[in-house]
PDB file of N, CA and C in Angstrom:
ATOM      1  N   MET A   1      -3.473 -11.055 -45.443  1.00  0.00           N
ATOM      2  CA  MET A   1      -4.184 -10.306 -44.457  1.00  0.00           C
ATOM      3  C   MET A   1      -3.316 -10.210 -43.262  1.00  0.00           C
ATOM      4  N   LEU A   2      -3.449  -8.939 -42.679  1.00  0.00           N
ATOM      5  CA  LEU A   2      -2.650  -8.665 -41.459  1.00  0.00           C
ATOM      6  C   LEU A   2      -3.306  -9.232 -40.248  1.00  0.00           C
ATOM      7  N   SER A   3      -2.526  -9.537 -39.308  1.00  0.00           N
ATOM      8  CA  SER A   3      -3.033 -10.086 -38.088  1.00  0.00           C
ATOM      9  C   SER A   3      -3.676  -8.978 -37.328  1.00  0.00           C
ATOM     10  N   ALA A   4      -4.641  -9.433 -36.345  1.00  0.00           N
ATOM     11  CA  ALA A   4      -5.315  -8.365 -35.597  1.00  0.00           C
ATOM     12  C   ALA A   4      -4.465  -7.521 -34.840  1.00  0.00           C
ATOM     13  N   PRO A   5      -3.390  -7.792 -34.232  1.00  0.00           N
ATOM     14  CA  PRO A   5      -2.498  -6.772 -33.574  1.00  0.00           C
ATOM     15  C   PRO A   5      -1.985  -5.731 -34.557  1.00  0.00           C
ATOM     16  N   LYS A   6      -1.717  -6.188 -35.741  1.00  0.00           N
ATOM     17  CA  LYS A   6      -1.206  -5.221 -36.782  1.00  0.00           C
ATOM     18  C   LYS A   6      -2.230  -4.193 -37.093  1.00  0.00           C
ATOM     19  N   LEU A   7      -3.430  -4.747 -37.365  1.00  0.00           N
ATOM     20  CA  LEU A   7      -4.597  -3.821 -37.623  1.00  0.00           C
ATOM     21  C   LEU A   7      -4.874  -2.966 -36.472  1.00  0.00           C
ATOM     22  N   ALA A   8      -4.790  -3.427 -35.324  1.00  0.00           N
ATOM     23  CA  ALA A   8      -4.926  -2.650 -34.076  1.00  0.00           C
ATOM     24  C   ALA A   8      -3.868  -1.444 -34.046  1.00  0.00           C
ATOM     25  N   ASP A   9      -2.721  -1.792 -34.432  1.00  0.00           N
ATOM     26  CA  ASP A   9      -1.651  -0.829 -34.535  1.00  0.00           C
ATOM     27  C   ASP A   9      -1.885   0.245 -35.531  1.00  0.00           C
ATOM     28  N   ILE A  10      -2.399  -0.157 -36.734  1.00  0.00           N
ATOM     29  CA  ILE A  10      -2.783   0.783 -37.774  1.00  0.00           C
ATOM     30  C   ILE A  10      -3.822   1.743 -37.188  1.00  0.00           C
ATOM     31  N   TYR A  11      -4.936   1.090 -36.640  1.00  0.00           N
ATOM     32  CA  TYR A  11      -6.012   1.905 -36.165  1.00  0.00           C
ATOM     33  C   TYR A  11      -5.490   2.835 -35.001  1.00  0.00           C
ATOM     34  N   ALA A  12      -4.628   2.505 -34.150  1.00  0.00           N
ATOM     35  CA  ALA A  12      -4.179   3.318 -33.156  1.00  0.00           C
ATOM     36  C   ALA A  12      -3.387   4.535 -33.748  1.00  0.00           C
ATOM     37  N   LYS A  13      -2.512   4.278 -34.691  1.00  0.00           N
ATOM     38  CA  LYS A  13      -1.774   5.380 -35.317  1.00  0.00           C
ATOM     39  C   LYS A  13      -2.692   6.299 -36.038  1.00  0.00           C
ATOM     40  N   LEU A  14      -3.697   5.650 -36.742  1.00  0.00           N
ATOM     41  CA  LEU A  14      -4.696   6.537 -37.452  1.00  0.00           C
ATOM     42  C   LEU A  14      -5.460   7.290 -36.565  1.00  0.00           C
ATOM     43  N   THR A  15      -5.911   6.826 -35.282  1.00  0.00           N
ATOM     44  CA  THR A  15      -6.688   7.554 -34.391  1.00  0.00           C
ATOM     45  C   THR A  15      -5.930   8.770 -33.986  1.00  0.00           C
ATOM     46  N   ALA A  16      -4.673   8.589 -33.778  1.00  0.00           N
ATOM     47  CA  ALA A  16      -3.869   9.797 -33.326  1.00  0.00           C
ATOM     48  C   ALA A  16      -3.820  10.932 -34.373  1.00  0.00           C
ATOM     49  N   ILE A  17      -3.650  10.371 -35.613  1.00  0.00           N
ATOM     50  CA  ILE A  17      -3.660  11.341 -36.792  1.00  0.00           C
ATOM     51  C   ILE A  17      -4.975  11.995 -36.879  1.00  0.00           C
ATOM     52  N   PHE A  18      -5.969  11.239 -36.846  1.00  0.00           N
ATOM     53  CA  PHE A  18      -7.447  11.888 -37.043  1.00  0.00           C
ATOM     54  C   PHE A  18      -7.665  12.879 -35.899  1.00  0.00           C
ATOM     55  N   ARG A  19      -7.351  12.514 -34.700  1.00  0.00           N
ATOM     56  CA  ARG A  19      -7.531  13.388 -33.619  1.00  0.00           C
ATOM     57  C   ARG A  19      -6.759  14.852 -33.678  1.00  0.00           C
ATOM     58  N   ASP A  20      -5.589  14.589 -34.246  1.00  0.00           N
ATOM     59  CA  ASP A  20      -4.705  15.838 -34.414  1.00  0.00           C
ATOM     60  C   ASP A  20      -5.285  16.706 -35.566  1.00  0.00           C
ATOM     61  N   VAL A  21      -5.641  16.132 -36.810  1.00  0.00           N
ATOM     62  CA  VAL A  21      -6.076  16.833 -37.842  1.00  0.00           C
ATOM     63  C   VAL A  21      -7.478  17.504 -37.619  1.00  0.00           C
ATOM     64  N   PHE A  22      -8.386  16.737 -37.019  1.00  0.00           N
ATOM     65  CA  PHE A  22      -9.729  17.256 -36.717  1.00  0.00           C
ATOM     66  C   PHE A  22      -9.783  17.865 -35.355  1.00  0.00           C
ATOM     67  N   ASP A  23      -8.689  17.997 -34.485  1.00  0.00           N
ATOM     68  CA  ASP A  23      -8.683  18.639 -33.295  1.00  0.00           C
ATOM     69  C   ASP A  23      -9.816  18.135 -32.317  1.00  0.00           C
ATOM     70  N   ASP A  24      -9.905  16.871 -32.241  1.00  0.00           N
ATOM     71  CA  ASP A  24     -10.884  16.251 -31.337  1.00  0.00           C
ATOM     72  C   ASP A  24     -10.324  14.987 -30.724  1.00  0.00           C
ATOM     73  N   ASP A  25     -10.026  15.191 -29.431  1.00  0.00           N
ATOM     74  CA  ASP A  25      -9.329  14.166 -28.683  1.00  0.00           C
ATOM     75  C   ASP A  25     -10.257  12.904 -28.270  1.00  0.00           C
ATOM     76  N   ASN A  26     -11.555  13.088 -28.651  1.00  0.00           N
ATOM     77  CA  ASN A  26     -12.541  12.012 -28.236  1.00  0.00           C
ATOM     78  C   ASN A  26     -12.929  11.248 -29.533  1.00  0.00           C
ATOM     79  N   LEU A  27     -12.397  11.624 -30.636  1.00  0.00           N
ATOM     80  CA  LEU A  27     -12.668  10.870 -31.901  1.00  0.00           C
ATOM     81  C   LEU A  27     -12.238   9.499 -31.849  1.00  0.00           C
ATOM     82  N   GLU A  28     -13.349   8.568 -32.131  1.00  0.00           N
ATOM     83  CA  GLU A  28     -13.007   7.101 -32.108  1.00  0.00           C
ATOM     84  C   GLU A  28     -13.275   6.628 -33.574  1.00  0.00           C
ATOM     85  N   LEU A  29     -12.232   5.912 -34.104  1.00  0.00           N
ATOM     86  CA  LEU A  29     -12.264   5.441 -35.485  1.00  0.00           C
ATOM     87  C   LEU A  29     -12.963   4.107 -35.438  1.00  0.00           C
ATOM     88  N   THR A  30     -13.885   3.909 -36.385  1.00  0.00           N
ATOM     89  CA  THR A  30     -14.387   2.581 -36.675  1.00  0.00           C
ATOM     90  C   THR A  30     -14.327   2.418 -38.170  1.00  0.00           C
ATOM     91  N   PRO A  31     -14.469   1.269 -38.676  1.00  0.00           N
ATOM     92  CA  PRO A  31     -14.297   0.945 -40.071  1.00  0.00           C
ATOM     93  C   PRO A  31     -15.539   1.767 -40.945  1.00  0.00           C
ATOM     94  N   GLU A  32     -16.575   1.950 -40.291  1.00  0.00           N
ATOM     95  CA  GLU A  32     -17.731   2.528 -40.953  1.00  0.00           C
ATOM     96  C   GLU A  32     -17.741   4.049 -40.945  1.00  0.00           C
ATOM     97  N   LEU A  33     -16.773   4.753 -40.149  1.00  0.00           N
ATOM     98  CA  LEU A  33     -16.790   6.171 -40.033  1.00  0.00           C
ATOM     99  C   LEU A  33     -16.553   6.839 -41.349  1.00  0.00           C
ATOM    100  N   THR A  34     -17.272   7.865 -41.690  1.00  0.00           N
ATOM    101  CA  THR A  34     -17.280   8.585 -42.980  1.00  0.00           C
ATOM    102  C   THR A  34     -16.947  10.051 -42.685  1.00  0.00           C
ATOM    103  N   ALA A  35     -16.589  10.868 -43.623  1.00  0.00           N
ATOM    104  CA  ALA A  35     -16.429  12.245 -43.598  1.00  0.00           C
ATOM    105  C   ALA A  35     -17.685  12.938 -42.980  1.00  0.00           C
ATOM    106  N   ALA A  36     -18.924  12.433 -43.360  1.00  0.00           N
ATOM    107  CA  ALA A  36     -20.119  13.056 -42.851  1.00  0.00           C
ATOM    108  C   ALA A  36     -20.324  12.896 -41.366  1.00  0.00           C
ATOM    109  N   ASP A  37     -19.612  11.946 -40.788  1.00  0.00           N
ATOM    110  CA  ASP A  37     -19.660  11.691 -39.336  1.00  0.00           C
ATOM    111  C   ASP A  37     -18.754  12.647 -38.465  1.00  0.00           C
ATOM    112  N   VAL A  38     -17.906  13.409 -39.146  1.00  0.00           N
ATOM    113  CA  VAL A  38     -16.945  14.305 -38.412  1.00  0.00           C
ATOM    114  C   VAL A  38     -17.223  15.740 -38.905  1.00  0.00           C
ATOM    115  N   ASP A  39     -17.547  16.606 -37.912  1.00  0.00           N
ATOM    116  CA  ASP A  39     -17.868  17.887 -38.238  1.00  0.00           C
ATOM    117  C   ASP A  39     -16.855  18.736 -39.004  1.00  0.00           C
ATOM    118  N   GLU A  40     -15.656  18.532 -38.485  1.00  0.00           N
ATOM    119  CA  GLU A  40     -14.559  19.317 -39.154  1.00  0.00           C
ATOM    120  C   GLU A  40     -13.916  18.800 -40.453  1.00  0.00           C
ATOM    121  N   TRP A  41     -14.516  17.676 -40.812  1.00  0.00           N
ATOM    122  CA  TRP A  41     -13.941  16.867 -42.074  1.00  0.00           C
ATOM    123  C   TRP A  41     -14.394  17.627 -43.364  1.00  0.00           C
ATOM    124  N   ASP A  42     -13.624  18.636 -43.859  1.00  0.00           N
ATOM    125  CA  ASP A  42     -13.982  19.392 -44.947  1.00  0.00           C
ATOM    126  C   ASP A  42     -12.858  19.048 -46.024  1.00  0.00           C
ATOM    127  N   SER A  43     -12.813  19.734 -47.108  1.00  0.00           N
ATOM    128  CA  SER A  43     -11.878  19.432 -48.195  1.00  0.00           C
ATOM    129  C   SER A  43     -10.407  19.718 -47.801  1.00  0.00           C
ATOM    130  N   LEU A  44     -10.119  20.846 -47.027  1.00  0.00           N
ATOM    131  CA  LEU A  44      -8.923  21.166 -46.591  1.00  0.00           C
ATOM    132  C   LEU A  44      -8.360  20.089 -45.640  1.00  0.00           C
ATOM    133  N   ASN A  45      -9.240  19.738 -44.639  1.00  0.00           N
ATOM    134  CA  ASN A  45      -8.811  18.796 -43.581  1.00  0.00           C
ATOM    135  C   ASN A  45      -8.583  17.441 -44.238  1.00  0.00           C
ATOM    136  N   HIS A  46      -9.343  17.158 -45.292  1.00  0.00           N
ATOM    137  CA  HIS A  46      -9.175  15.851 -45.985  1.00  0.00           C
ATOM    138  C   HIS A  46      -7.810  15.701 -46.571  1.00  0.00           C
ATOM    139  N   ILE A  47      -7.298  16.796 -47.205  1.00  0.00           N
ATOM    140  CA  ILE A  47      -5.965  16.861 -47.675  1.00  0.00           C
ATOM    141  C   ILE A  47      -5.051  16.777 -46.647  1.00  0.00           C
ATOM    142  N   ARG A  48      -5.187  17.504 -45.537  1.00  0.00           N
ATOM    143  CA  ARG A  48      -4.214  17.414 -44.327  1.00  0.00           C
ATOM    144  C   ARG A  48      -4.180  16.032 -43.900  1.00  0.00           C
ATOM    145  N   LEU A  49      -5.345  15.364 -43.796  1.00  0.00           N
ATOM    146  CA  LEU A  49      -5.438  14.029 -43.271  1.00  0.00           C
ATOM    147  C   LEU A  49      -4.623  12.975 -44.192  1.00  0.00           C
ATOM    148  N   VAL A  50      -4.861  13.083 -45.443  1.00  0.00           N
ATOM    149  CA  VAL A  50      -4.191  12.181 -46.360  1.00  0.00           C
ATOM    150  C   VAL A  50      -2.646  12.384 -46.309  1.00  0.00           C
ATOM    151  N   VAL A  51      -2.241  13.622 -46.269  1.00  0.00           N
ATOM    152  CA  VAL A  51      -0.735  13.914 -46.233  1.00  0.00           C
ATOM    153  C   VAL A  51      -0.212  13.409 -44.910  1.00  0.00           C
ATOM    154  N   SER A  52      -0.847  13.606 -43.862  1.00  0.00           N
ATOM    155  CA  SER A  52      -0.430  13.116 -42.555  1.00  0.00           C
ATOM    156  C   SER A  52      -0.277  11.587 -42.526  1.00  0.00           C
ATOM    157  N   VAL A  53      -1.292  10.929 -43.014  1.00  0.00           N
ATOM    158  CA  VAL A  53      -1.298   9.454 -43.129  1.00  0.00           C
ATOM    159  C   VAL A  53      -0.086   9.005 -43.969  1.00  0.00           C
ATOM    160  N   GLU A  54       0.071   9.700 -45.127  1.00  0.00           N
ATOM    161  CA  GLU A  54       1.087   9.271 -46.004  1.00  0.00           C
ATOM    162  C   GLU A  54       2.510   9.337 -45.264  1.00  0.00           C
ATOM    163  N   ARG A  55       2.734  10.481 -44.628  1.00  0.00           N
ATOM    164  CA  ARG A  55       3.951  10.639 -43.806  1.00  0.00           C
ATOM    165  C   ARG A  55       4.201   9.654 -42.784  1.00  0.00           C
ATOM    166  N   ALA A  56       3.111   9.408 -41.980  1.00  0.00           N
ATOM    167  CA  ALA A  56       3.144   8.497 -40.792  1.00  0.00           C
ATOM    168  C   ALA A  56       3.445   7.054 -41.279  1.00  0.00           C
ATOM    169  N   PHE A  57       2.949   6.653 -42.397  1.00  0.00           N
ATOM    170  CA  PHE A  57       3.083   5.267 -42.815  1.00  0.00           C
ATOM    171  C   PHE A  57       4.114   5.091 -43.947  1.00  0.00           C
ATOM    172  N   ALA A  58       4.724   6.088 -44.277  1.00  0.00           N
ATOM    173  CA  ALA A  58       5.736   6.177 -45.427  1.00  0.00           C
ATOM    174  C   ALA A  58       5.071   5.537 -46.703  1.00  0.00           C
ATOM    175  N   VAL A  59       3.951   5.891 -47.013  1.00  0.00           N
ATOM    176  CA  VAL A  59       3.187   5.485 -48.283  1.00  0.00           C
ATOM    177  C   VAL A  59       2.808   6.616 -49.054  1.00  0.00           C
ATOM    178  N   SER A  60       2.364   6.332 -50.299  1.00  0.00           N
ATOM    179  CA  SER A  60       1.736   7.494 -51.080  1.00  0.00           C
ATOM    180  C   SER A  60       0.479   6.889 -51.809  1.00  0.00           C
ATOM    181  N   PHE A  61      -0.487   7.816 -51.917  1.00  0.00           N
ATOM    182  CA  PHE A  61      -1.730   7.425 -52.547  1.00  0.00           C
ATOM    183  C   PHE A  61      -1.918   8.328 -53.784  1.00  0.00           C
ATOM    184  N   SER A  62      -2.662   7.800 -54.761  1.00  0.00           N
ATOM    185  CA  SER A  62      -2.935   8.660 -55.950  1.00  0.00           C
ATOM    186  C   SER A  62      -4.313   9.268 -55.607  1.00  0.00           C
ATOM    187  N   ALA A  63      -4.574  10.369 -56.351  1.00  0.00           N
ATOM    188  CA  ALA A  63      -5.811  11.096 -56.083  1.00  0.00           C
ATOM    189  C   ALA A  63      -6.998  10.112 -56.502  1.00  0.00           C
ATOM    190  N   ALA A  64      -6.890   9.226 -57.362  1.00  0.00           N
ATOM    191  CA  ALA A  64      -7.942   8.405 -57.724  1.00  0.00           C
ATOM    192  C   ALA A  64      -8.184   7.386 -56.564  1.00  0.00           C
ATOM    193  N   GLN A  65      -7.097   6.819 -55.996  1.00  0.00           N
ATOM    194  CA  GLN A  65      -7.239   5.909 -54.785  1.00  0.00           C
ATOM    195  C   GLN A  65      -7.937   6.645 -53.639  1.00  0.00           C
ATOM    196  N   VAL A  66      -7.600   7.831 -53.376  1.00  0.00           N
ATOM    197  CA  VAL A  66      -8.173   8.532 -52.207  1.00  0.00           C
ATOM    198  C   VAL A  66      -9.709   8.839 -52.614  1.00  0.00           C
ATOM    199  N   GLY A  67      -9.974   9.335 -53.773  1.00  0.00           N
ATOM    200  CA  GLY A  67     -11.301   9.644 -54.247  1.00  0.00           C
ATOM    201  C   GLY A  67     -12.227   8.534 -54.104  1.00  0.00           C
ATOM    202  N   ARG A  68     -11.794   7.392 -54.348  1.00  0.00           N
ATOM    203  CA  ARG A  68     -12.739   6.075 -54.272  1.00  0.00           C
ATOM    204  C   ARG A  68     -13.064   5.757 -52.811  1.00  0.00           C
ATOM    205  N   LEU A  69     -12.395   6.120 -51.835  1.00  0.00           N
ATOM    206  CA  LEU A  69     -12.565   5.715 -50.365  1.00  0.00           C
ATOM    207  C   LEU A  69     -13.913   6.152 -49.885  1.00  0.00           C
ATOM    208  N   LYS A  70     -14.622   5.270 -49.278  1.00  0.00           N
ATOM    209  CA  LYS A  70     -16.036   5.598 -48.766  1.00  0.00           C
ATOM    210  C   LYS A  70     -15.959   5.710 -47.213  1.00  0.00           C
ATOM    211  N   ASN A  71     -14.988   5.046 -46.522  1.00  0.00           N
ATOM    212  CA  ASN A  71     -14.997   5.090 -45.108  1.00  0.00           C
ATOM    213  C   ASN A  71     -13.679   4.760 -44.667  1.00  0.00           C
ATOM    214  N   VAL A  72     -13.477   4.845 -43.179  1.00  0.00           N
ATOM    215  CA  VAL A  72     -12.185   4.649 -42.575  1.00  0.00           C
ATOM    216  C   VAL A  72     -11.752   3.140 -42.893  1.00  0.00           C
ATOM    217  N   GLY A  73     -12.587   2.142 -42.992  1.00  0.00           N
ATOM    218  CA  GLY A  73     -12.258   0.733 -43.276  1.00  0.00           C
ATOM    219  C   GLY A  73     -11.573   0.702 -44.541  1.00  0.00           C
ATOM    220  N   GLU A  74     -12.087   1.257 -45.533  1.00  0.00           N
ATOM    221  CA  GLU A  74     -11.473   1.242 -46.866  1.00  0.00           C
ATOM    222  C   GLU A  74     -10.144   2.034 -46.853  1.00  0.00           C
ATOM    223  N   PHE A  75      -9.966   3.000 -46.107  1.00  0.00           N
ATOM    224  CA  PHE A  75      -8.773   3.693 -45.955  1.00  0.00           C
ATOM    225  C   PHE A  75      -7.630   2.780 -45.381  1.00  0.00           C
ATOM    226  N   VAL A  76      -8.151   2.079 -44.288  1.00  0.00           N
ATOM    227  CA  VAL A  76      -7.197   1.153 -43.681  1.00  0.00           C
ATOM    228  C   VAL A  76      -6.813  -0.016 -44.710  1.00  0.00           C
ATOM    229  N   ASP A  77      -7.815  -0.473 -45.386  1.00  0.00           N
ATOM    230  CA  ASP A  77      -7.396  -1.484 -46.516  1.00  0.00           C
ATOM    231  C   ASP A  77      -6.418  -0.965 -47.355  1.00  0.00           C
ATOM    232  N   LEU A  78      -6.550   0.329 -47.889  1.00  0.00           N
ATOM    233  CA  LEU A  78      -5.661   0.866 -48.785  1.00  0.00           C
ATOM    234  C   LEU A  78      -4.240   0.957 -48.145  1.00  0.00           C
ATOM    235  N   ILE A  79      -4.194   1.382 -46.842  1.00  0.00           N
ATOM    236  CA  ILE A  79      -2.828   1.503 -46.178  1.00  0.00           C
ATOM    237  C   ILE A  79      -2.295   0.070 -46.106  1.00  0.00           C
ATOM    238  N   VAL A  80      -2.958  -0.937 -45.753  1.00  0.00           N
ATOM    239  CA  VAL A  80      -2.527  -2.266 -45.645  1.00  0.00           C
ATOM    240  C   VAL A  80      -1.907  -2.701 -47.040  1.00  0.00           C
ATOM    241  N   ALA A  81      -2.663  -2.226 -48.112  1.00  0.00           N
ATOM    242  CA  ALA A  81      -2.117  -2.709 -49.375  1.00  0.00           C
ATOM    243  C   ALA A  81      -0.857  -2.125 -49.743  1.00  0.00           C
ATOM    244  N   LYS A  82      -0.563  -0.962 -49.202  1.00  0.00           N
ATOM    245  CA  LYS A  82       0.651  -0.139 -49.557  1.00  0.00           C
ATOM    246  C   LYS A  82       1.848  -0.646 -48.560  1.00  0.00           C
ATOM    247  N   LEU A  83       1.612  -1.218 -47.435  1.00  0.00           N
ATOM    248  CA  LEU A  83       2.646  -1.658 -46.497  1.00  0.00           C
ATOM    249  C   LEU A  83       3.422  -2.812 -46.978  1.00  0.00           C
TER     250      LEU A  83
END
């Protein structure tokens, strides 16, 4: 398990990515946040988001891994597992 500061760093980096992809400087990430909560979160932006996260964290995800994600908290868990 990562320490709280490491998780905070991941959320900070993810927040910047989400704000860029969805063009919303006020977007706040929580573990419970889902695609349904973000107006601009469509299939194209979903792909842009995944690719941006892969680049930022130097990790890669399979389509199956991404397809199983239900919320931002699960996305963070997946990132942590890849680091």
